[in-house]
N, C-alpha and C. Protein backbone atom coordinates (compact mmCIF):
# COMPACT_ATOMS: atom_id res chain seq x y z
N MET A 1 -0.85 18.67 16.70
CA MET A 1 -1.27 17.53 15.89
C MET A 1 -1.08 16.24 16.69
N ALA A 2 -1.94 15.30 16.43
CA ALA A 2 -1.83 14.00 17.07
C ALA A 2 -0.52 13.33 16.66
N GLU A 3 -0.07 12.37 17.45
CA GLU A 3 1.18 11.68 17.16
C GLU A 3 0.99 10.64 16.06
N LEU A 4 1.76 10.80 14.98
CA LEU A 4 1.71 9.86 13.87
C LEU A 4 2.95 8.98 13.92
N ARG A 5 2.73 7.68 13.81
CA ARG A 5 3.83 6.73 13.80
C ARG A 5 3.61 5.77 12.64
N ILE A 6 4.68 5.49 11.90
CA ILE A 6 4.64 4.52 10.82
C ILE A 6 5.36 3.27 11.31
N SER A 7 4.71 2.13 11.21
CA SER A 7 5.25 0.88 11.73
C SER A 7 5.28 -0.20 10.65
N THR A 8 6.31 -1.02 10.71
CA THR A 8 6.35 -2.22 9.86
C THR A 8 6.17 -3.48 10.71
N ASP A 9 5.81 -3.33 11.94
CA ASP A 9 5.58 -4.47 12.83
C ASP A 9 4.22 -5.09 12.48
N PRO A 10 4.21 -6.35 12.05
CA PRO A 10 2.92 -6.99 11.72
C PRO A 10 1.92 -6.95 12.86
N ALA A 11 2.39 -6.91 14.09
CA ALA A 11 1.49 -6.87 15.25
C ALA A 11 0.70 -5.55 15.32
N ASP A 12 1.17 -4.53 14.61
CA ASP A 12 0.48 -3.23 14.64
C ASP A 12 -0.66 -3.14 13.62
N ILE A 13 -0.81 -4.13 12.76
CA ILE A 13 -1.88 -4.07 11.75
C ILE A 13 -3.21 -4.38 12.41
N ASP A 14 -4.16 -3.47 12.27
CA ASP A 14 -5.52 -3.68 12.75
C ASP A 14 -6.33 -4.17 11.55
N PHE A 15 -6.50 -5.48 11.46
CA PHE A 15 -7.16 -6.06 10.29
C PHE A 15 -8.63 -5.71 10.21
N ASP A 16 -9.24 -5.32 11.31
CA ASP A 16 -10.62 -4.83 11.22
C ASP A 16 -10.65 -3.56 10.37
N VAL A 17 -9.71 -2.67 10.60
CA VAL A 17 -9.63 -1.42 9.84
C VAL A 17 -9.20 -1.69 8.41
N VAL A 18 -8.12 -2.45 8.24
CA VAL A 18 -7.57 -2.68 6.90
C VAL A 18 -8.57 -3.43 6.03
N HIS A 19 -9.10 -4.52 6.52
CA HIS A 19 -10.09 -5.26 5.74
C HIS A 19 -11.34 -4.42 5.53
N GLY A 20 -11.77 -3.72 6.55
CA GLY A 20 -12.95 -2.87 6.42
C GLY A 20 -12.83 -1.86 5.29
N PHE A 21 -11.67 -1.19 5.22
CA PHE A 21 -11.48 -0.22 4.15
C PHE A 21 -11.36 -0.90 2.79
N LEU A 22 -10.48 -1.88 2.71
CA LEU A 22 -10.23 -2.52 1.41
C LEU A 22 -11.49 -3.15 0.84
N SER A 23 -12.28 -3.81 1.66
CA SER A 23 -13.45 -4.53 1.15
C SER A 23 -14.64 -3.64 0.84
N THR A 24 -14.70 -2.44 1.43
CA THR A 24 -15.89 -1.60 1.23
C THR A 24 -15.62 -0.25 0.58
N GLN A 25 -14.36 0.25 0.65
CA GLN A 25 -14.10 1.59 0.13
C GLN A 25 -13.06 1.65 -0.98
N ALA A 26 -12.20 0.65 -1.08
CA ALA A 26 -11.15 0.67 -2.10
C ALA A 26 -11.73 0.26 -3.46
N TYR A 27 -11.48 1.06 -4.48
CA TYR A 27 -12.01 0.75 -5.81
C TYR A 27 -11.34 -0.47 -6.44
N TRP A 28 -10.15 -0.84 -5.95
CA TRP A 28 -9.39 -1.91 -6.59
C TRP A 28 -9.70 -3.30 -6.06
N CYS A 29 -10.43 -3.43 -4.96
CA CYS A 29 -10.69 -4.78 -4.44
C CYS A 29 -11.98 -4.86 -3.63
N PRO A 30 -13.09 -4.36 -4.16
CA PRO A 30 -14.34 -4.43 -3.39
C PRO A 30 -14.71 -5.88 -3.09
N GLY A 31 -15.11 -6.11 -1.85
CA GLY A 31 -15.55 -7.43 -1.44
C GLY A 31 -14.44 -8.42 -1.13
N ILE A 32 -13.20 -7.97 -1.10
CA ILE A 32 -12.09 -8.89 -0.83
C ILE A 32 -12.29 -9.57 0.53
N PRO A 33 -12.16 -10.88 0.57
CA PRO A 33 -12.33 -11.58 1.85
C PRO A 33 -11.21 -11.26 2.84
N ARG A 34 -11.55 -11.25 4.10
CA ARG A 34 -10.56 -10.96 5.15
C ARG A 34 -9.39 -11.93 5.09
N ALA A 35 -9.66 -13.20 4.85
CA ALA A 35 -8.58 -14.19 4.81
C ALA A 35 -7.57 -13.86 3.71
N VAL A 36 -8.04 -13.31 2.60
CA VAL A 36 -7.13 -12.93 1.51
C VAL A 36 -6.29 -11.72 1.94
N VAL A 37 -6.91 -10.75 2.60
CA VAL A 37 -6.18 -9.57 3.10
C VAL A 37 -5.10 -10.02 4.07
N GLU A 38 -5.42 -10.91 4.97
CA GLU A 38 -4.45 -11.38 5.96
C GLU A 38 -3.33 -12.17 5.32
N ARG A 39 -3.66 -13.03 4.34
CA ARG A 39 -2.62 -13.80 3.65
C ARG A 39 -1.71 -12.88 2.84
N ALA A 40 -2.29 -11.88 2.18
CA ALA A 40 -1.49 -10.92 1.42
C ALA A 40 -0.54 -10.17 2.35
N ALA A 41 -1.02 -9.76 3.50
CA ALA A 41 -0.17 -9.06 4.46
C ALA A 41 0.96 -9.94 4.96
N ALA A 42 0.65 -11.20 5.22
CA ALA A 42 1.66 -12.12 5.74
C ALA A 42 2.80 -12.33 4.75
N ASN A 43 2.53 -12.11 3.48
CA ASN A 43 3.54 -12.32 2.44
C ASN A 43 4.08 -11.01 1.88
N SER A 44 3.93 -9.93 2.60
CA SER A 44 4.35 -8.61 2.14
C SER A 44 5.06 -7.85 3.27
N LEU A 45 5.75 -6.80 2.88
CA LEU A 45 6.29 -5.84 3.84
C LEU A 45 5.22 -4.77 4.02
N CYS A 46 4.58 -4.75 5.18
CA CYS A 46 3.44 -3.87 5.43
C CYS A 46 3.83 -2.65 6.25
N PHE A 47 3.18 -1.55 5.94
CA PHE A 47 3.38 -0.29 6.64
C PHE A 47 2.04 0.16 7.19
N SER A 48 1.98 0.37 8.50
CA SER A 48 0.78 0.86 9.16
C SER A 48 1.01 2.30 9.59
N ALA A 49 0.08 3.18 9.25
CA ALA A 49 0.11 4.55 9.74
C ALA A 49 -0.80 4.60 10.95
N LEU A 50 -0.22 4.94 12.09
CA LEU A 50 -0.94 4.94 13.36
C LEU A 50 -1.00 6.36 13.91
N LEU A 51 -2.19 6.85 14.10
CA LEU A 51 -2.39 8.19 14.64
C LEU A 51 -2.91 8.01 16.06
N ASP A 52 -2.10 8.42 17.03
CA ASP A 52 -2.40 8.17 18.44
C ASP A 52 -2.71 6.69 18.69
N GLY A 53 -1.93 5.82 18.03
CA GLY A 53 -2.06 4.39 18.22
C GLY A 53 -3.16 3.73 17.42
N ARG A 54 -3.95 4.49 16.69
CA ARG A 54 -5.07 3.95 15.91
C ARG A 54 -4.70 3.88 14.44
N GLN A 55 -4.98 2.76 13.80
CA GLN A 55 -4.66 2.58 12.38
C GLN A 55 -5.51 3.54 11.54
N VAL A 56 -4.81 4.40 10.78
CA VAL A 56 -5.50 5.34 9.89
C VAL A 56 -5.01 5.22 8.46
N GLY A 57 -3.97 4.43 8.24
CA GLY A 57 -3.44 4.25 6.89
C GLY A 57 -2.69 2.94 6.79
N TYR A 58 -2.44 2.55 5.55
CA TYR A 58 -1.83 1.24 5.32
C TYR A 58 -1.24 1.22 3.92
N ALA A 59 -0.21 0.43 3.77
CA ALA A 59 0.36 0.14 2.45
C ALA A 59 1.15 -1.15 2.58
N ARG A 60 1.29 -1.85 1.46
CA ARG A 60 2.13 -3.03 1.50
C ARG A 60 3.00 -3.07 0.26
N VAL A 61 4.22 -3.57 0.47
CA VAL A 61 5.20 -3.71 -0.59
C VAL A 61 5.38 -5.20 -0.85
N ILE A 62 5.14 -5.59 -2.08
CA ILE A 62 5.25 -6.99 -2.50
C ILE A 62 6.51 -7.10 -3.32
N GLY A 63 7.36 -8.07 -3.03
CA GLY A 63 8.55 -8.23 -3.85
C GLY A 63 9.58 -9.13 -3.24
N ASP A 64 10.76 -9.10 -3.84
CA ASP A 64 11.84 -9.97 -3.39
C ASP A 64 12.83 -9.27 -2.47
N ARG A 65 12.61 -7.99 -2.21
CA ARG A 65 13.46 -7.17 -1.33
C ARG A 65 14.89 -7.04 -1.86
N ALA A 66 15.04 -7.24 -3.17
CA ALA A 66 16.38 -7.13 -3.76
C ALA A 66 16.34 -6.45 -5.13
N THR A 67 15.40 -6.84 -6.00
CA THR A 67 15.41 -6.32 -7.36
C THR A 67 14.10 -5.69 -7.80
N PHE A 68 12.98 -6.16 -7.26
CA PHE A 68 11.67 -5.71 -7.73
C PHE A 68 10.69 -5.61 -6.58
N ALA A 69 9.81 -4.61 -6.67
CA ALA A 69 8.72 -4.48 -5.70
C ALA A 69 7.51 -3.86 -6.38
N TYR A 70 6.37 -4.14 -5.80
CA TYR A 70 5.11 -3.58 -6.26
C TYR A 70 4.41 -3.00 -5.04
N LEU A 71 4.02 -1.75 -5.13
CA LEU A 71 3.34 -1.07 -4.03
C LEU A 71 1.84 -1.26 -4.21
N ALA A 72 1.17 -1.73 -3.16
CA ALA A 72 -0.25 -2.05 -3.26
C ALA A 72 -1.01 -1.65 -2.01
N ASP A 73 -2.32 -1.59 -2.16
CA ASP A 73 -3.26 -1.40 -1.06
C ASP A 73 -2.97 -0.16 -0.21
N VAL A 74 -2.52 0.90 -0.84
CA VAL A 74 -2.23 2.14 -0.12
C VAL A 74 -3.54 2.89 0.14
N PHE A 75 -3.77 3.23 1.40
CA PHE A 75 -4.93 4.05 1.72
C PHE A 75 -4.71 4.82 3.01
N VAL A 76 -5.45 5.91 3.13
CA VAL A 76 -5.57 6.69 4.36
C VAL A 76 -7.07 6.85 4.59
N LEU A 77 -7.51 6.58 5.79
CA LEU A 77 -8.93 6.73 6.11
C LEU A 77 -9.38 8.16 5.86
N PRO A 78 -10.61 8.35 5.38
CA PRO A 78 -11.09 9.70 5.06
C PRO A 78 -10.91 10.71 6.20
N GLU A 79 -11.15 10.30 7.44
CA GLU A 79 -11.06 11.24 8.55
C GLU A 79 -9.63 11.65 8.88
N ALA A 80 -8.64 10.96 8.33
CA ALA A 80 -7.23 11.30 8.59
C ALA A 80 -6.56 11.98 7.40
N ARG A 81 -7.29 12.17 6.33
CA ARG A 81 -6.71 12.80 5.14
C ARG A 81 -6.47 14.28 5.38
N GLY A 82 -5.50 14.82 4.65
CA GLY A 82 -5.17 16.23 4.79
C GLY A 82 -4.26 16.54 5.95
N ARG A 83 -3.70 15.52 6.59
CA ARG A 83 -2.81 15.69 7.74
C ARG A 83 -1.39 15.22 7.45
N GLY A 84 -1.09 14.91 6.20
CA GLY A 84 0.26 14.48 5.85
C GLY A 84 0.51 13.00 6.05
N VAL A 85 -0.54 12.24 6.30
CA VAL A 85 -0.37 10.81 6.57
C VAL A 85 0.16 10.09 5.33
N SER A 86 -0.41 10.37 4.16
CA SER A 86 0.04 9.67 2.95
C SER A 86 1.50 9.99 2.64
N LYS A 87 1.91 11.22 2.87
CA LYS A 87 3.30 11.59 2.63
C LYS A 87 4.23 10.92 3.64
N ALA A 88 3.82 10.84 4.89
CA ALA A 88 4.63 10.15 5.90
C ALA A 88 4.73 8.66 5.58
N LEU A 89 3.64 8.08 5.14
CA LEU A 89 3.63 6.66 4.76
C LEU A 89 4.58 6.43 3.59
N MET A 90 4.50 7.26 2.56
CA MET A 90 5.37 7.12 1.39
C MET A 90 6.83 7.38 1.76
N ALA A 91 7.09 8.36 2.58
CA ALA A 91 8.47 8.63 3.00
C ALA A 91 9.06 7.43 3.72
N ALA A 92 8.27 6.80 4.59
CA ALA A 92 8.76 5.62 5.31
C ALA A 92 9.01 4.46 4.35
N ILE A 93 8.14 4.27 3.39
CA ILE A 93 8.32 3.21 2.41
C ILE A 93 9.59 3.44 1.61
N MET A 94 9.79 4.64 1.14
CA MET A 94 10.95 4.96 0.30
C MET A 94 12.25 4.93 1.11
N ALA A 95 12.18 5.13 2.42
CA ALA A 95 13.39 5.12 3.26
C ALA A 95 13.72 3.72 3.80
N HIS A 96 12.81 2.79 3.66
CA HIS A 96 13.04 1.46 4.22
C HIS A 96 14.24 0.79 3.54
N PRO A 97 15.09 0.11 4.29
CA PRO A 97 16.28 -0.54 3.70
C PRO A 97 15.95 -1.50 2.54
N ASP A 98 14.81 -2.15 2.58
CA ASP A 98 14.47 -3.12 1.54
C ASP A 98 13.98 -2.48 0.24
N THR A 99 13.84 -1.17 0.20
CA THR A 99 13.43 -0.50 -1.05
C THR A 99 14.56 0.33 -1.66
N GLN A 100 15.74 0.27 -1.09
CA GLN A 100 16.83 1.15 -1.52
C GLN A 100 17.50 0.75 -2.83
N LYS A 101 17.66 -0.51 -3.10
CA LYS A 101 18.44 -0.96 -4.26
C LYS A 101 17.58 -1.65 -5.32
N LEU A 102 16.31 -1.40 -5.31
CA LEU A 102 15.42 -2.06 -6.27
C LEU A 102 15.66 -1.52 -7.68
N ARG A 103 15.69 -2.42 -8.63
CA ARG A 103 15.83 -2.01 -10.03
C ARG A 103 14.50 -1.45 -10.54
N ARG A 104 13.41 -2.06 -10.11
CA ARG A 104 12.09 -1.60 -10.53
C ARG A 104 11.15 -1.63 -9.34
N PHE A 105 10.42 -0.54 -9.15
CA PHE A 105 9.42 -0.41 -8.09
C PHE A 105 8.16 0.08 -8.80
N ALA A 106 7.16 -0.75 -8.88
CA ALA A 106 5.96 -0.45 -9.67
C ALA A 106 4.74 -0.24 -8.79
N LEU A 107 3.74 0.37 -9.36
CA LEU A 107 2.44 0.53 -8.72
C LEU A 107 1.42 0.84 -9.79
N ALA A 108 0.16 0.73 -9.42
CA ALA A 108 -0.94 1.14 -10.28
C ALA A 108 -1.85 2.04 -9.46
N THR A 109 -2.30 3.13 -10.08
CA THR A 109 -3.20 4.04 -9.39
C THR A 109 -4.15 4.67 -10.40
N SER A 110 -5.34 4.97 -9.94
CA SER A 110 -6.30 5.69 -10.78
C SER A 110 -6.43 7.14 -10.36
N ASP A 111 -5.92 7.48 -9.16
CA ASP A 111 -6.23 8.82 -8.66
C ASP A 111 -5.13 9.51 -7.84
N ALA A 112 -3.95 8.91 -7.70
CA ALA A 112 -2.94 9.52 -6.82
C ALA A 112 -1.61 9.73 -7.53
N HIS A 113 -1.65 10.00 -8.81
CA HIS A 113 -0.42 10.18 -9.58
C HIS A 113 0.48 11.28 -9.00
N ALA A 114 -0.11 12.38 -8.57
CA ALA A 114 0.68 13.50 -8.05
C ALA A 114 1.42 13.11 -6.78
N LEU A 115 0.79 12.34 -5.92
CA LEU A 115 1.46 11.89 -4.69
C LEU A 115 2.68 11.04 -5.05
N TYR A 116 2.48 10.04 -5.88
CA TYR A 116 3.56 9.11 -6.19
C TYR A 116 4.69 9.77 -6.99
N ALA A 117 4.36 10.75 -7.81
CA ALA A 117 5.38 11.47 -8.58
C ALA A 117 6.37 12.16 -7.64
N GLN A 118 5.93 12.59 -6.47
CA GLN A 118 6.82 13.23 -5.50
C GLN A 118 7.90 12.28 -5.00
N TYR A 119 7.70 10.98 -5.20
CA TYR A 119 8.64 9.97 -4.72
C TYR A 119 9.33 9.24 -5.88
N GLY A 120 9.32 9.87 -7.05
CA GLY A 120 10.07 9.37 -8.18
C GLY A 120 9.33 8.42 -9.10
N PHE A 121 8.07 8.15 -8.86
CA PHE A 121 7.31 7.27 -9.74
C PHE A 121 6.89 8.03 -10.99
N THR A 122 6.99 7.39 -12.13
CA THR A 122 6.64 7.98 -13.42
C THR A 122 5.81 6.96 -14.21
N PRO A 123 5.17 7.41 -15.29
CA PRO A 123 4.49 6.43 -16.16
C PRO A 123 5.52 5.42 -16.68
N LEU A 124 5.05 4.25 -17.06
CA LEU A 124 5.95 3.21 -17.56
C LEU A 124 6.81 3.74 -18.70
N ALA A 125 8.11 3.50 -18.62
CA ALA A 125 9.02 3.93 -19.67
C ALA A 125 8.80 3.13 -20.95
N ARG A 126 8.49 1.86 -20.79
CA ARG A 126 8.28 0.99 -21.94
C ARG A 126 7.00 0.16 -21.72
N PRO A 127 5.84 0.79 -21.81
CA PRO A 127 4.60 0.05 -21.52
C PRO A 127 4.39 -1.14 -22.43
N GLN A 128 4.98 -1.11 -23.61
CA GLN A 128 4.81 -2.22 -24.54
C GLN A 128 5.45 -3.51 -24.04
N THR A 129 6.33 -3.42 -23.04
CA THR A 129 6.98 -4.63 -22.53
C THR A 129 6.20 -5.27 -21.38
N PHE A 130 5.21 -4.58 -20.85
CA PHE A 130 4.46 -5.09 -19.72
C PHE A 130 3.21 -5.82 -20.17
N MET A 131 2.93 -6.89 -19.49
CA MET A 131 1.71 -7.65 -19.71
C MET A 131 1.11 -7.97 -18.35
N GLU A 132 -0.13 -8.37 -18.36
CA GLU A 132 -0.77 -8.78 -17.12
C GLU A 132 -1.78 -9.88 -17.39
N ARG A 133 -2.04 -10.62 -16.36
CA ARG A 133 -3.13 -11.59 -16.35
C ARG A 133 -4.09 -11.09 -15.29
N TYR A 134 -5.18 -10.49 -15.70
CA TYR A 134 -6.09 -9.80 -14.80
C TYR A 134 -7.36 -10.63 -14.60
N LYS A 135 -7.60 -10.98 -13.35
CA LYS A 135 -8.79 -11.74 -12.97
C LYS A 135 -9.48 -11.00 -11.82
N PRO A 136 -10.27 -9.98 -12.12
CA PRO A 136 -10.85 -9.14 -11.06
C PRO A 136 -11.74 -9.87 -10.07
N ASP A 137 -12.30 -11.00 -10.45
CA ASP A 137 -13.18 -11.74 -9.54
C ASP A 137 -12.53 -12.98 -8.95
N ALA A 138 -11.20 -13.06 -8.98
CA ALA A 138 -10.49 -14.27 -8.58
C ALA A 138 -10.82 -14.74 -7.17
N TYR A 139 -10.99 -13.84 -6.23
CA TYR A 139 -11.21 -14.25 -4.85
C TYR A 139 -12.64 -14.02 -4.38
N LEU A 140 -13.55 -13.83 -5.32
CA LEU A 140 -14.93 -13.54 -4.94
C LEU A 140 -15.87 -14.73 -5.10
N ASP A 141 -15.35 -15.90 -5.48
CA ASP A 141 -16.26 -17.03 -5.62
C ASP A 141 -16.34 -17.87 -4.39
């Protein structure tokens, strides 16, 4: 198998790949501008999955690194799926020092519940306490 490396070094993020996937293939942010992707990364703890040095996966953790985090923008390129990349990415995220003592670690997914369940994520215990302000077209004008 090719060499897989998970990195949190911002210099390892290939924004051509990350923006390319998020803006054209991710159901949660179609058309997202590159500047927004870069600003989001700059304000997050990012994880790059590199297969033989090439970006094939990505995830970012948004939070205060003490009490709360939100996992976002997780993806593995189609050609790298089925090789354990998503599990390696999640294992690295869960092992990172800044995710160890969080009181709440949240995420939203439409299709990867089984993956996240392997790392302790469950449906909201008290969904009635959560609210959101959802503006799906916020960065598209």
